[in-house]
Protein backbone atom coordinates (compact mmCIF):
# COMPACT_ATOMS: atom_id res chain seq x y z
CA MET A 1 59.47 0.73 -15.20
CA THR A 2 62.09 -1.77 -16.29
CA ALA A 3 61.94 -5.00 -14.27
CA PRO A 4 65.06 -5.75 -12.23
CA ARG A 5 67.42 -8.49 -13.32
CA VAL A 6 66.49 -11.37 -11.03
CA VAL A 7 68.48 -14.47 -10.12
CA SER A 8 66.31 -17.03 -8.34
CA LEU A 9 68.13 -19.78 -6.46
CA LEU A 10 65.15 -21.99 -5.66
CA PRO A 11 62.18 -23.35 -7.62
CA SER A 12 59.47 -21.80 -5.44
CA ALA A 13 60.91 -18.30 -5.86
CA THR A 14 61.24 -18.86 -9.60
CA GLU A 15 57.54 -19.73 -9.74
CA ILE A 16 56.65 -16.62 -7.76
CA VAL A 17 58.76 -14.37 -9.98
CA ALA A 18 57.22 -15.86 -13.12
CA ALA A 19 53.68 -15.56 -11.72
CA LEU A 20 54.37 -11.86 -11.17
CA GLY A 21 55.28 -11.42 -14.82
CA VAL A 22 59.08 -11.28 -14.59
CA GLU A 23 61.46 -13.65 -16.37
CA PRO A 24 64.53 -14.47 -14.25
CA VAL A 25 67.91 -13.99 -15.93
CA ALA A 26 69.31 -17.04 -14.12
CA THR A 27 68.01 -19.78 -11.84
CA SER A 28 69.04 -22.94 -10.03
CA HIS A 29 69.53 -26.36 -11.60
CA GLU A 30 66.16 -27.48 -10.13
CA CYS A 31 64.02 -24.65 -11.50
CA ASP A 32 61.72 -26.22 -14.09
CA TYR A 33 58.35 -24.47 -13.77
CA PRO A 34 56.89 -22.75 -15.64
CA PRO A 35 58.56 -24.62 -18.53
CA ALA A 36 60.00 -21.43 -20.07
CA VAL A 37 62.42 -20.98 -17.14
CA ALA A 38 64.18 -24.27 -17.96
CA ASP A 39 66.23 -22.45 -20.61
CA ALA A 40 67.61 -19.87 -18.17
CA PRO A 41 71.30 -20.24 -17.18
CA SER A 42 71.88 -22.09 -13.91
CA VAL A 43 74.10 -20.57 -11.24
CA VAL A 44 73.84 -23.52 -8.84
CA ARG A 45 75.51 -26.91 -8.99
CA SER A 46 74.47 -29.88 -6.87
CA ARG A 47 76.82 -32.50 -5.44
CA ILE A 48 73.97 -35.03 -5.21
CA ASP A 49 72.90 -37.62 -7.76
CA ALA A 50 69.19 -36.78 -7.86
CA ASP A 51 68.40 -40.01 -9.74
CA ALA A 52 69.81 -42.27 -7.01
CA SER A 53 67.74 -44.27 -4.54
CA SER A 54 66.15 -42.68 -1.49
CA ALA A 55 68.73 -44.27 0.84
CA THR A 56 71.69 -43.34 -1.38
CA ILE A 57 70.59 -39.73 -1.67
CA ASP A 58 70.26 -39.52 2.10
CA SER A 59 73.81 -40.85 2.49
CA GLN A 60 75.13 -38.42 -0.13
CA VAL A 61 73.44 -35.50 1.61
CA GLN A 62 74.96 -36.45 4.96
CA SER A 63 78.44 -36.71 3.42
CA ALA A 64 78.12 -33.45 1.45
CA ASP A 65 76.75 -31.59 4.46
CA ALA A 66 79.83 -32.62 6.46
CA ASP A 67 82.11 -31.53 3.62
CA GLY A 68 81.12 -28.01 2.72
CA GLY A 69 77.47 -28.34 1.78
CA VAL A 70 75.22 -29.87 -0.84
CA TYR A 71 75.40 -27.03 -3.37
CA ARG A 72 77.98 -24.88 -5.07
CA ILE A 73 77.49 -21.43 -6.59
CA ASP A 74 78.77 -21.07 -10.13
CA ARG A 75 80.38 -17.70 -9.54
CA GLU A 76 81.22 -17.09 -13.18
CA ALA A 77 77.59 -17.62 -14.14
CA LEU A 78 76.36 -15.46 -11.25
CA ALA A 79 78.66 -12.61 -12.27
CA ALA A 80 77.58 -12.92 -15.90
CA ALA A 81 73.92 -12.66 -14.84
CA ASP A 82 74.67 -9.21 -13.37
CA PRO A 83 71.66 -9.32 -11.03
CA ASP A 84 69.83 -6.46 -9.37
CA LEU A 85 68.06 -8.92 -7.09
CA VAL A 86 69.04 -12.40 -5.88
CA ILE A 87 66.42 -14.54 -4.12
CA SER A 88 67.68 -17.22 -1.74
CA GLN A 89 66.27 -19.24 1.16
CA GLY A 90 66.96 -20.07 4.77
CA ILE A 91 64.53 -22.91 5.39
CA CYS A 92 66.63 -25.94 4.42
CA GLU A 93 70.26 -26.50 3.39
CA VAL A 94 69.20 -29.67 1.55
CA CYS A 95 66.46 -27.97 -0.50
CA ALA A 96 68.55 -25.16 -1.99
CA VAL A 97 71.82 -23.29 -1.59
CA ASP A 98 72.18 -21.67 1.82
CA THR A 99 71.91 -17.89 2.13
CA VAL A 100 75.34 -17.60 3.81
CA VAL A 101 76.98 -19.17 0.74
CA VAL A 102 75.12 -16.70 -1.47
CA GLU A 103 76.09 -13.72 0.67
CA THR A 104 79.75 -14.70 0.50
CA ALA A 105 79.64 -15.10 -3.28
CA ILE A 106 77.95 -11.72 -3.78
CA GLU A 107 80.46 -9.98 -1.53
CA GLU A 108 83.54 -11.58 -3.04
CA LEU A 109 82.32 -10.94 -6.60
CA GLY A 110 81.64 -7.31 -5.74
CA LEU A 111 78.07 -7.47 -7.06
CA GLU A 112 75.83 -4.50 -6.34
CA CYS A 113 72.51 -6.23 -5.82
CA GLU A 114 69.82 -6.82 -3.23
CA LEU A 115 69.60 -10.24 -1.54
CA LEU A 116 66.10 -11.30 -0.53
CA THR A 117 65.84 -14.41 1.66
CA THR A 118 62.70 -16.50 2.07
CA ASP A 119 62.09 -18.72 5.11
CA PRO A 120 58.48 -19.96 4.94
CA HIS A 121 57.02 -22.32 7.51
CA SER A 122 53.30 -21.73 6.95
CA LEU A 123 50.78 -20.81 4.28
CA GLY A 124 50.79 -17.25 5.60
CA ASP A 125 54.57 -17.10 5.25
CA ILE A 126 54.32 -18.23 1.62
CA LEU A 127 51.73 -15.58 0.79
CA SER A 128 53.86 -12.97 2.57
CA ASP A 129 56.85 -14.02 0.46
CA ILE A 130 54.80 -13.40 -2.68
CA GLU A 131 54.07 -9.89 -1.42
CA ARG A 132 57.70 -9.24 -0.44
CA ILE A 133 59.01 -10.44 -3.79
CA GLY A 134 56.32 -8.42 -5.56
CA ALA A 135 57.46 -5.28 -3.76
CA ALA A 136 61.10 -5.97 -4.63
CA LEU A 137 60.16 -6.44 -8.30
CA GLY A 138 58.01 -3.32 -8.47
CA ARG A 139 54.98 -5.59 -8.98
CA ALA A 140 53.20 -5.03 -5.66
CA ASP A 141 49.78 -4.63 -7.28
CA ARG A 142 50.11 -7.91 -9.17
CA ALA A 143 51.32 -9.61 -5.99
CA ASP A 144 48.26 -8.36 -4.11
CA GLU A 145 46.01 -9.70 -6.89
CA LEU A 146 47.73 -13.09 -6.86
CA VAL A 147 47.51 -13.41 -3.06
CA ALA A 148 43.82 -12.50 -3.18
CA GLU A 149 43.24 -15.18 -5.84
CA LEU A 150 45.05 -17.79 -3.78
CA ARG A 151 43.19 -16.88 -0.58
CA ALA A 152 39.88 -17.18 -2.42
CA ARG A 153 40.79 -20.70 -3.53
CA VAL A 154 41.79 -21.63 0.03
CA ASP A 155 38.43 -20.35 1.27
CA ARG A 156 36.60 -22.43 -1.36
CA VAL A 157 38.35 -25.59 -0.18
CA SER A 158 37.62 -24.86 3.49
CA THR A 159 33.96 -24.24 2.69
CA ALA A 160 33.70 -27.43 0.63
CA VAL A 161 35.10 -29.70 3.37
CA ASP A 162 33.36 -28.00 6.32
CA ALA A 163 30.21 -30.05 5.80
CA SER A 164 32.03 -33.37 6.19
CA PRO A 165 31.41 -35.07 9.55
CA ILE A 166 34.73 -36.94 9.36
CA ASP A 167 38.26 -35.55 9.62
CA PRO A 168 40.45 -38.48 8.53
CA THR A 169 43.86 -38.88 10.11
CA VAL A 170 46.69 -38.22 7.67
CA ALA A 171 50.41 -38.91 7.36
CA VAL A 172 52.50 -37.20 4.69
CA LEU A 173 56.01 -38.56 4.19
CA ASP A 174 58.51 -36.30 2.46
CA TRP A 175 61.28 -38.89 2.54
CA LEU A 176 61.19 -42.69 2.39
CA GLU A 177 64.54 -43.99 3.66
CA PRO A 178 64.69 -42.99 6.41
CA PRO A 179 60.97 -42.18 6.67
CA MET A 180 60.45 -38.48 7.34
CA VAL A 181 57.20 -36.81 8.33
CA ALA A 182 56.42 -33.61 6.42
CA GLY A 183 56.23 -30.47 8.52
CA HIS A 184 56.27 -26.69 7.88
CA TRP A 185 53.10 -25.80 5.91
CA ILE A 186 51.87 -29.38 5.42
CA PRO A 187 50.12 -29.87 8.82
CA GLU A 188 48.25 -26.60 8.22
CA LEU A 189 47.25 -27.62 4.69
CA VAL A 190 45.97 -30.98 5.93
CA GLU A 191 43.82 -29.27 8.55
CA LEU A 192 42.48 -26.77 5.97
CA ALA A 193 41.72 -29.76 3.73
CA GLY A 194 39.54 -31.31 6.42
CA GLY A 195 42.04 -33.75 7.89
CA THR A 196 43.75 -34.46 11.20
CA TYR A 197 47.56 -34.38 11.34
CA GLU A 198 49.02 -35.64 14.61
CA LEU A 199 52.61 -36.50 13.68
CA ALA A 200 53.73 -32.86 13.47
CA ALA A 201 52.41 -29.45 14.45
CA PRO A 202 52.05 -26.55 11.99
CA GLY A 203 55.43 -24.93 11.46
CA ASP A 204 57.47 -27.89 12.74
CA ALA A 205 60.47 -28.90 10.67
CA SER A 206 60.18 -32.09 8.64
CA THR A 207 61.59 -34.79 10.90
CA PRO A 208 62.75 -38.43 10.56
CA ARG A 209 60.45 -40.75 12.48
CA GLU A 210 60.71 -44.35 13.52
CA TRP A 211 58.56 -46.62 11.37
CA THR A 212 57.00 -48.03 14.52
CA ALA A 213 55.58 -44.57 15.34
CA ILE A 214 53.96 -44.34 11.92
CA ARG A 215 52.52 -47.85 12.31
CA GLU A 216 51.11 -46.96 15.72
CA TYR A 217 49.57 -43.79 14.30
CA ASP A 218 47.97 -45.97 11.58
CA PRO A 219 46.56 -43.10 9.46
CA ASP A 220 43.35 -43.22 7.48
CA VAL A 221 45.21 -41.62 4.54
CA LEU A 222 48.92 -41.91 3.77
CA VAL A 223 50.70 -39.72 1.22
CA ALA A 224 54.22 -40.46 -0.03
CA ALA A 225 55.72 -37.27 -1.44
CA PRO A 226 59.53 -37.42 -1.21
CA CYS A 227 61.28 -34.08 -1.59
CA GLY A 228 62.59 -33.80 -5.14
CA PHE A 229 60.82 -36.93 -6.39
CA GLY A 230 58.14 -37.00 -9.06
CA ILE A 231 55.60 -39.81 -9.24
CA GLU A 232 57.78 -42.22 -11.25
CA GLN A 233 60.80 -41.83 -8.98
CA THR A 234 58.60 -42.38 -5.94
CA PHE A 235 57.38 -45.67 -7.43
CA GLU A 236 60.97 -46.66 -8.21
CA ASN A 237 61.69 -46.35 -4.48
CA LEU A 238 58.37 -47.68 -3.24
CA SER A 239 59.91 -50.80 -1.72
CA ASP A 240 61.35 -48.49 0.96
CA LEU A 241 57.78 -48.46 2.25
CA THR A 242 56.21 -51.67 1.03
CA ASP A 243 59.01 -53.89 2.37
CA ARG A 244 58.64 -52.48 5.87
CA PRO A 245 56.99 -54.66 8.52
CA GLY A 246 53.29 -54.01 8.85
CA TRP A 247 52.94 -52.01 5.62
CA SER A 248 50.08 -54.12 4.25
CA SER A 249 48.20 -53.95 7.55
CA LEU A 250 48.13 -50.14 7.70
CA ARG A 251 44.56 -48.83 7.56
CA ALA A 252 45.37 -46.51 4.64
CA VAL A 253 46.79 -49.41 2.62
CA ARG A 254 43.93 -51.79 3.45
CA MET A 255 41.36 -49.16 2.48
CA ASN A 256 43.20 -48.21 -0.73
CA ARG A 257 43.86 -44.69 0.59
CA ALA A 258 47.64 -44.61 0.23
CA TYR A 259 48.92 -42.32 -2.52
CA ALA A 260 52.01 -40.97 -4.20
CA VAL A 261 51.88 -37.22 -4.76
CA ASP A 262 54.48 -35.28 -6.74
CA GLY A 263 56.80 -34.12 -3.96
CA HIS A 264 59.06 -32.21 -6.32
CA HIS A 265 56.40 -29.93 -7.77
CA LEU A 266 53.72 -29.79 -5.09
CA VAL A 267 54.40 -30.82 -1.52
CA ASN A 268 57.89 -29.37 -1.05
CA ARG A 269 57.68 -26.21 -3.16
CA PRO A 270 56.37 -23.19 -1.19
CA GLY A 271 55.19 -21.04 -4.08
CA PRO A 272 51.87 -20.21 -5.75
CA ARG A 273 51.11 -23.89 -6.41
CA VAL A 274 50.92 -24.56 -2.67
CA VAL A 275 47.18 -24.03 -3.14
CA ASP A 276 47.23 -26.76 -5.79
CA THR A 277 48.72 -28.90 -3.02
CA LEU A 278 45.87 -27.99 -0.69
CA GLU A 279 43.30 -28.84 -3.36
CA THR A 280 45.03 -32.14 -4.10
CA ILE A 281 45.11 -33.16 -0.42
CA ALA A 282 41.48 -32.14 0.03
CA SER A 283 40.47 -34.25 -2.99
CA LEU A 284 42.12 -37.29 -1.39
CA LEU A 285 40.46 -36.74 1.98
CA HIS A 286 37.03 -35.68 0.69
CA PRO A 287 36.68 -36.83 -2.93
CA ASP A 288 32.94 -36.16 -2.94
CA ALA A 289 33.47 -32.51 -2.01
CA VAL A 290 36.66 -31.50 -3.86
CA GLU A 291 37.60 -32.42 -7.40
CA THR A 292 41.13 -33.66 -8.07
CA PRO A 293 42.88 -30.69 -9.73
CA GLU A 294 45.54 -32.57 -11.73
CA GLU A 295 45.63 -36.35 -11.66
CA SER A 296 49.11 -36.50 -13.25
CA MET A 297 50.43 -35.21 -9.93
CA LEU A 298 49.17 -38.20 -7.92
CA ARG A 299 48.61 -41.95 -8.12
CA SER A 300 47.27 -44.60 -5.81
CA LEU A 301 50.04 -46.71 -4.31
CA SER A 302 47.89 -49.71 -5.19
CA ASP A 303 48.35 -48.98 -8.91
CA PRO A 304 51.20 -50.76 -10.70
CA PRO A 305 53.91 -48.53 -12.22
CA ALA A 306 53.04 -47.22 -15.68
């Protein structure tokens, strides 16, 4: 059976489609993994300077959100892609183009295609999205295989950390200025990785928090993983944390257990590599039990920039 022509409007869906053996005919401007998808035409334009500082990006997002949204659909490119299936999202208007915008574009262009919307808030939701996308692609068997592989890896992590007598407290920040505590699937991943996450419950939205609340929480392990930032960009904005009162007295900082993790590729991308995220978090919490899967995706905040 010929695979449908797929347009993926968010990086996580692009990764799912590729993992199921289908090459999308068009993607978003942020889709960059696996590397082969970087050459696909983009049908999304951002109004944000992604290379700006944490505070500037936040200001740009607020302004764009009040003036029609962060993203624009390139309708000419979307029409040229002639999709059978478009994959969008409903979880966050800042993370990717909103489904309503996509629906309007499809209707006004007169495209005859299916629109599949993802809205994951948990690990189970992410695995279900893989199955839903697999069914839409005619790759249900491959999707079942992939989900089984991912569940087996999750079980291996849980088994490895079960023997530890300590569940360190953890804070994961997915924005720096203002500081924002990661929610959705992250609290669940931390708990599966043998940690305690008290700043948000599983499924909660990522939420700005006062720095005083983070200081009072005083986590054993702190992870900085700003949405859309790789390691280098996180270090470029690190003063947003290190210049804050009480930073050096935090337990995680004093014990050299504060880290930067690639927020762009791991923490904020609900696709197949979410299990890589679990394995990475587990390796930080229980390094004697879980091996670090890919050190290029993390760095101690005590290390100087490369």
